[in-house]
């Protein structure tokens, strides 16, 4: 556990099936969050937050960079079930365990699901409720089921200009609609 890391009362870290859980300096695991290694590795970088009622599994390997924000109710699953029709009962079929990598400076909105094999590049923002599989490009904003590129992140100056244009359009609409 890194210096200044905080595990809040009510958070659950479980290694009963073995594995490792590593938490970087000044990261916070909030009440209700569950980190379950299931024989694998969960590595959380520095200055991260795992908010209430998130579930992070480790059986396929979960690597999270620095300065990552994981909003409430996210589920991150670095494993998957095989479902071959001729493979017998699903519960007895082998799992895939490709693992998940989440880069630095990432924000996962509330309720995001990240599936086995996902690779979320540095600077990504994933909107609430999205389901992530595959690779996400750096400094991009994704939303939806499955998560799709919405747009690239912009500088603060560009964002302010876009916001001013939206407000200006709203003002014009209100003026036109007035009797």
C-alpha atoms as a PDB file:
ATOM      1  CA  UNK A   1       0.000   0.000   0.000  1.00  0.00           C
ATOM      2  CA  UNK A   2       1.451   3.342  -1.058  1.00  0.00           C
ATOM      3  CA  UNK A   3       2.148   6.191   1.318  1.00  0.00           C
ATOM      4  CA  UNK A   4      -0.991   8.142   2.161  1.00  0.00           C
ATOM      5  CA  UNK A   5      -3.333   5.634   0.478  1.00  0.00           C
ATOM      6  CA  UNK A   6      -6.689   5.417   2.215  1.00  0.00           C
ATOM      7  CA  UNK A   7      -9.032   2.450   2.472  1.00  0.00           C
ATOM      8  CA  UNK A   8     -12.285   3.838   3.878  1.00  0.00           C
ATOM      9  CA  UNK A   9     -14.324   1.773   6.356  1.00  0.00           C
ATOM     10  CA  UNK A  10     -16.787  -0.381   4.449  1.00  0.00           C
ATOM     11  CA  UNK A  11     -14.503  -0.942   1.448  1.00  0.00           C
ATOM     12  CA  UNK A  12     -13.682  -4.602   0.844  1.00  0.00           C
ATOM     13  CA  UNK A  13     -10.328  -5.930  -0.357  1.00  0.00           C
ATOM     14  CA  UNK A  14     -10.416  -9.681  -0.804  1.00  0.00           C
ATOM     15  CA  UNK A  15      -7.547 -12.009  -1.728  1.00  0.00           C
ATOM     16  CA  UNK A  16      -9.129 -15.251  -0.490  1.00  0.00           C
ATOM     17  CA  UNK A  17      -8.329 -17.022  -3.792  1.00  0.00           C
ATOM     18  CA  UNK A  18      -4.794 -15.636  -3.773  1.00  0.00           C
ATOM     19  CA  UNK A  19      -3.378 -12.941  -5.988  1.00  0.00           C
ATOM     20  CA  UNK A  20      -2.268  -9.416  -5.142  1.00  0.00           C
ATOM     21  CA  UNK A  21      -3.870  -6.040  -4.596  1.00  0.00           C
ATOM     22  CA  UNK A  22      -1.540  -3.034  -4.876  1.00  0.00           C
ATOM     23  CA  UNK A  23      -2.733   0.500  -4.166  1.00  0.00           C
ATOM     24  CA  UNK A  24      -0.562   3.499  -5.033  1.00  0.00           C
ATOM     25  CA  UNK A  25       0.280   6.532  -2.931  1.00  0.00           C
ATOM     26  CA  UNK A  26      -2.554   8.908  -2.075  1.00  0.00           C
ATOM     27  CA  UNK A  27      -5.219   6.747  -3.734  1.00  0.00           C
ATOM     28  CA  UNK A  28      -8.587   6.329  -2.027  1.00  0.00           C
ATOM     29  CA  UNK A  29     -10.904   3.314  -1.961  1.00  0.00           C
ATOM     30  CA  UNK A  30     -14.349   4.478  -0.812  1.00  0.00           C
ATOM     31  CA  UNK A  31     -16.987   2.645   1.272  1.00  0.00           C
ATOM     32  CA  UNK A  32     -18.843  -0.096  -0.576  1.00  0.00           C
ATOM     33  CA  UNK A  33     -16.104  -0.577  -3.192  1.00  0.00           C
ATOM     34  CA  UNK A  34     -14.970  -4.182  -3.665  1.00  0.00           C
ATOM     35  CA  UNK A  35     -11.534  -5.229  -4.941  1.00  0.00           C
ATOM     36  CA  UNK A  36     -11.521  -9.004  -5.516  1.00  0.00           C
ATOM     37  CA  UNK A  37      -8.240 -10.451  -6.794  1.00  0.00           C
ATOM     38  CA  UNK A  38      -9.539 -13.968  -7.608  1.00  0.00           C
ATOM     39  CA  UNK A  39      -5.951 -15.195  -7.903  1.00  0.00           C
ATOM     40  CA  UNK A  40      -4.816 -12.358 -10.172  1.00  0.00           C
ATOM     41  CA  UNK A  41      -3.416  -8.868  -9.827  1.00  0.00           C
ATOM     42  CA  UNK A  42      -5.162  -5.574  -9.182  1.00  0.00           C
ATOM     43  CA  UNK A  43      -2.677  -2.703  -9.400  1.00  0.00           C
ATOM     44  CA  UNK A  44      -3.989   0.826  -8.820  1.00  0.00           C
ATOM     45  CA  UNK A  45      -1.609   3.728  -9.454  1.00  0.00           C
ATOM     46  CA  UNK A  46      -1.082   6.910  -7.465  1.00  0.00           C
ATOM     47  CA  UNK A  47      -3.722   9.605  -6.822  1.00  0.00           C
ATOM     48  CA  UNK A  48      -6.626   7.392  -7.918  1.00  0.00           C
ATOM     49  CA  UNK A  49     -10.147   7.180  -6.547  1.00  0.00           C
ATOM     50  CA  UNK A  50     -12.401   4.133  -6.570  1.00  0.00           C
ATOM     51  CA  UNK A  51     -15.820   5.397  -5.543  1.00  0.00           C
ATOM     52  CA  UNK A  52     -18.693   3.691  -3.705  1.00  0.00           C
ATOM     53  CA  UNK A  53     -20.071   0.397  -4.989  1.00  0.00           C
ATOM     54  CA  UNK A  54     -17.452  -0.219  -7.666  1.00  0.00           C
ATOM     55  CA  UNK A  55     -16.414  -3.831  -8.234  1.00  0.00           C
ATOM     56  CA  UNK A  56     -12.884  -4.454  -9.550  1.00  0.00           C
ATOM     57  CA  UNK A  57     -11.811  -8.023 -10.288  1.00  0.00           C
ATOM     58  CA  UNK A  58      -8.246  -9.193 -10.788  1.00  0.00           C
ATOM     59  CA  UNK A  59      -8.382 -12.723 -12.197  1.00  0.00           C
ATOM     60  CA  UNK A  60      -7.090 -11.737 -15.661  1.00  0.00           C
ATOM     61  CA  UNK A  61      -4.941  -8.859 -14.400  1.00  0.00           C
ATOM     62  CA  UNK A  62      -6.075  -5.268 -13.907  1.00  0.00           C
ATOM     63  CA  UNK A  63      -3.539  -2.453 -14.252  1.00  0.00           C
ATOM     64  CA  UNK A  64      -4.744   1.096 -13.534  1.00  0.00           C
ATOM     65  CA  UNK A  65      -2.465   4.099 -14.120  1.00  0.00           C
ATOM     66  CA  UNK A  66      -2.072   7.285 -12.071  1.00  0.00           C
ATOM     67  CA  UNK A  67      -4.678  10.015 -11.533  1.00  0.00           C
ATOM     68  CA  UNK A  68      -7.585   7.790 -12.550  1.00  0.00           C
ATOM     69  CA  UNK A  69     -11.125   8.576 -11.395  1.00  0.00           C
ATOM     70  CA  UNK A  70     -13.544   5.641 -11.226  1.00  0.00           C
ATOM     71  CA  UNK A  71     -17.052   6.884 -10.445  1.00  0.00           C
ATOM     72  CA  UNK A  72     -19.639   5.030  -8.375  1.00  0.00           C
ATOM     73  CA  UNK A  73     -21.062   1.698  -9.531  1.00  0.00           C
ATOM     74  CA  UNK A  74     -18.383   0.876 -12.133  1.00  0.00           C
ATOM     75  CA  UNK A  75     -17.587  -2.790 -12.759  1.00  0.00           C
ATOM     76  CA  UNK A  76     -14.219  -3.820 -14.220  1.00  0.00           C
ATOM     77  CA  UNK A  77     -13.951  -7.496 -15.222  1.00  0.00           C
ATOM     78  CA  UNK A  78     -10.635  -8.792 -16.647  1.00  0.00           C
ATOM     79  CA  UNK A  79     -12.028 -12.247 -17.460  1.00  0.00           C
ATOM     80  CA  UNK A  80     -14.874 -13.712 -19.491  1.00  0.00           C
ATOM     81  CA  UNK A  81     -16.783 -16.997 -19.732  1.00  0.00           C
ATOM     82  CA  UNK A  82     -16.595 -19.320 -22.714  1.00  0.00           C
ATOM     83  CA  UNK A  83     -20.053 -20.083 -24.076  1.00  0.00           C
ATOM     84  CA  UNK A  84     -19.553 -22.735 -26.771  1.00  0.00           C
ATOM     85  CA  UNK A  85     -22.815 -24.571 -27.357  1.00  0.00           C
ATOM     86  CA  UNK A  86     -20.969 -27.888 -27.499  1.00  0.00           C
ATOM     87  CA  UNK A  87     -18.656 -26.987 -24.591  1.00  0.00           C
ATOM     88  CA  UNK A  88     -20.900 -28.278 -21.839  1.00  0.00           C
ATOM     89  CA  UNK A  89     -22.280 -26.203 -19.016  1.00  0.00           C
ATOM     90  CA  UNK A  90     -21.203 -22.552 -19.150  1.00  0.00           C
ATOM     91  CA  UNK A  91     -20.141 -22.745 -15.503  1.00  0.00           C
ATOM     92  CA  UNK A  92     -17.674 -25.534 -16.392  1.00  0.00           C
ATOM     93  CA  UNK A  93     -16.198 -23.988 -19.524  1.00  0.00           C
ATOM     94  CA  UNK A  94     -12.846 -22.234 -19.338  1.00  0.00           C
ATOM     95  CA  UNK A  95     -12.516 -18.485 -18.882  1.00  0.00           C
ATOM     96  CA  UNK A  96     -10.575 -16.126 -21.071  1.00  0.00           C
ATOM     97  CA  UNK A  97      -8.246 -13.879 -19.075  1.00  0.00           C
ATOM     98  CA  UNK A  98      -6.733 -11.266 -21.364  1.00  0.00           C
ATOM     99  CA  UNK A  99      -6.648  -8.593 -18.676  1.00  0.00           C
ATOM    100  CA  UNK A 100      -7.434  -4.877 -18.665  1.00  0.00           C
ATOM    101  CA  UNK A 101      -5.173  -1.835 -18.811  1.00  0.00           C
ATOM    102  CA  UNK A 102      -6.377   1.648 -17.907  1.00  0.00           C
ATOM    103  CA  UNK A 103      -3.884   4.439 -18.630  1.00  0.00           C
ATOM    104  CA  UNK A 104      -3.102   7.636 -16.723  1.00  0.00           C
ATOM    105  CA  UNK A 105      -5.503  10.583 -16.295  1.00  0.00           C
ATOM    106  CA  UNK A 106      -8.644   8.594 -17.127  1.00  0.00           C
ATOM    107  CA  UNK A 107     -12.187   9.261 -15.900  1.00  0.00           C
ATOM    108  CA  UNK A 108     -14.759   6.471 -15.909  1.00  0.00           C
ATOM    109  CA  UNK A 109     -18.247   7.912 -15.368  1.00  0.00           C
ATOM    110  CA  UNK A 110     -20.838   6.328 -13.094  1.00  0.00           C
ATOM    111  CA  UNK A 111     -21.874   2.806 -13.959  1.00  0.00           C
ATOM    112  CA  UNK A 112     -19.267   2.154 -16.664  1.00  0.00           C
ATOM    113  CA  UNK A 113     -18.548  -1.507 -17.429  1.00  0.00           C
ATOM    114  CA  UNK A 114     -15.057  -2.447 -18.642  1.00  0.00           C
ATOM    115  CA  UNK A 115     -14.757  -5.931 -20.149  1.00  0.00           C
ATOM    116  CA  UNK A 116     -11.872  -8.374 -20.545  1.00  0.00           C
ATOM    117  CA  UNK A 117      -9.234  -7.294 -23.040  1.00  0.00           C
ATOM    118  CA  UNK A 118     -10.020  -3.564 -22.825  1.00  0.00           C
ATOM    119  CA  UNK A 119      -7.149  -1.094 -23.178  1.00  0.00           C
ATOM    120  CA  UNK A 120      -8.093   2.464 -22.223  1.00  0.00           C
ATOM    121  CA  UNK A 121      -5.370   4.906 -23.289  1.00  0.00           C
ATOM    122  CA  UNK A 122      -4.136   7.944 -21.341  1.00  0.00           C
ATOM    123  CA  UNK A 123      -6.480  10.904 -21.043  1.00  0.00           C
ATOM    124  CA  UNK A 124      -9.716   9.067 -21.927  1.00  0.00           C
ATOM    125  CA  UNK A 125     -13.116  10.053 -20.597  1.00  0.00           C
ATOM    126  CA  UNK A 126     -15.802   7.354 -20.649  1.00  0.00           C
ATOM    127  CA  UNK A 127     -19.388   8.577 -20.186  1.00  0.00           C
ATOM    128  CA  UNK A 128     -21.722   7.160 -17.551  1.00  0.00           C
ATOM    129  CA  UNK A 129     -23.277   3.815 -18.403  1.00  0.00           C
ATOM    130  CA  UNK A 130     -20.917   2.971 -21.275  1.00  0.00           C
ATOM    131  CA  UNK A 131     -19.661  -0.561 -21.916  1.00  0.00           C
ATOM    132  CA  UNK A 132     -15.992  -0.705 -22.909  1.00  0.00           C
ATOM    133  CA  UNK A 133     -14.330  -3.513 -24.837  1.00  0.00           C
ATOM    134  CA  UNK A 134     -11.311  -3.302 -27.101  1.00  0.00           C
ATOM    135  CA  UNK A 135      -8.947  -0.330 -27.335  1.00  0.00           C
ATOM    136  CA  UNK A 136      -9.839   3.324 -26.730  1.00  0.00           C
ATOM    137  CA  UNK A 137      -7.677   6.099 -28.200  1.00  0.00           C
ATOM    138  CA  UNK A 138      -5.778   8.602 -26.053  1.00  0.00           C
ATOM    139  CA  UNK A 139      -7.432  11.901 -25.076  1.00  0.00           C
ATOM    140  CA  UNK A 140     -10.795  10.863 -26.470  1.00  0.00           C
ATOM    141  CA  UNK A 141     -14.337  10.898 -25.092  1.00  0.00           C
ATOM    142  CA  UNK A 142     -16.422   7.733 -25.468  1.00  0.00           C
ATOM    143  CA  UNK A 143     -20.087   7.003 -24.718  1.00  0.00           C
ATOM    144  CA  UNK A 144     -22.701   4.348 -25.365  1.00  0.00           C
ATOM    145  CA  UNK A 145     -23.270   0.620 -25.484  1.00  0.00           C
ATOM    146  CA  UNK A 146     -20.843  -0.399 -26.799  1.00  0.00           C
ATOM    147  CA  UNK A 147     -18.655   2.646 -26.156  1.00  0.00           C
ATOM    148  CA  UNK A 148     -18.049   4.676 -29.317  1.00  0.00           C
ATOM    149  CA  UNK A 149     -15.900   7.734 -29.956  1.00  0.00           C
ATOM    150  CA  UNK A 150     -17.868  10.954 -29.393  1.00  0.00           C
ATOM    151  CA  UNK A 151     -15.044  13.435 -29.879  1.00  0.00           C
ATOM    152  CA  UNK A 152     -11.501  14.260 -28.876  1.00  0.00           C
ATOM    153  CA  UNK A 153     -10.772  16.291 -25.758  1.00  0.00           C
ATOM    154  CA  UNK A 154      -9.910  19.945 -26.367  1.00  0.00           C
ATOM    155  CA  UNK A 155      -7.883  22.637 -24.650  1.00  0.00           C
ATOM    156  CA  UNK A 156      -9.584  24.745 -21.961  1.00  0.00           C
ATOM    157  CA  UNK A 157      -9.659  27.696 -24.388  1.00  0.00           C
ATOM    158  CA  UNK A 158     -11.365  25.625 -27.097  1.00  0.00           C
ATOM    159  CA  UNK A 159     -13.868  24.217 -24.572  1.00  0.00           C
ATOM    160  CA  UNK A 160     -14.733  27.751 -23.337  1.00  0.00           C
ATOM    161  CA  UNK A 161     -15.232  28.931 -26.926  1.00  0.00           C
ATOM    162  CA  UNK A 162     -17.549  25.977 -27.668  1.00  0.00           C
ATOM    163  CA  UNK A 163     -19.548  26.682 -24.500  1.00  0.00           C
ATOM    164  CA  UNK A 164     -19.867  30.371 -25.411  1.00  0.00           C
ATOM    165  CA  UNK A 165     -21.195  29.372 -28.854  1.00  0.00           C
ATOM    166  CA  UNK A 166     -23.792  27.058 -27.291  1.00  0.00           C
ATOM    167  CA  UNK A 167     -24.938  29.801 -24.878  1.00  0.00           C
ATOM    168  CA  UNK A 168     -25.069  32.312 -27.752  1.00  0.00           C
ATOM    169  CA  UNK A 169     -27.223  29.941 -29.823  1.00  0.00           C
ATOM    170  CA  UNK A 170     -29.541  29.388 -26.849  1.00  0.00           C
ATOM    171  CA  UNK A 171     -29.889  33.175 -26.366  1.00  0.00           C
ATOM    172  CA  UNK A 172     -30.744  33.620 -30.060  1.00  0.00           C
ATOM    173  CA  UNK A 173     -33.321  30.832 -29.905  1.00  0.00           C
ATOM    174  CA  UNK A 174     -34.982  32.425 -26.890  1.00  0.00           C
ATOM    175  CA  UNK A 175     -35.060  35.820 -28.657  1.00  0.00           C
ATOM    176  CA  UNK A 176     -36.580  34.360 -31.833  1.00  0.00           C
ATOM    177  CA  UNK A 177     -39.186  32.426 -29.859  1.00  0.00           C
ATOM    178  CA  UNK A 178     -40.251  35.508 -27.833  1.00  0.00           C
ATOM    179  CA  UNK A 179     -43.581  37.099 -28.948  1.00  0.00           C
END
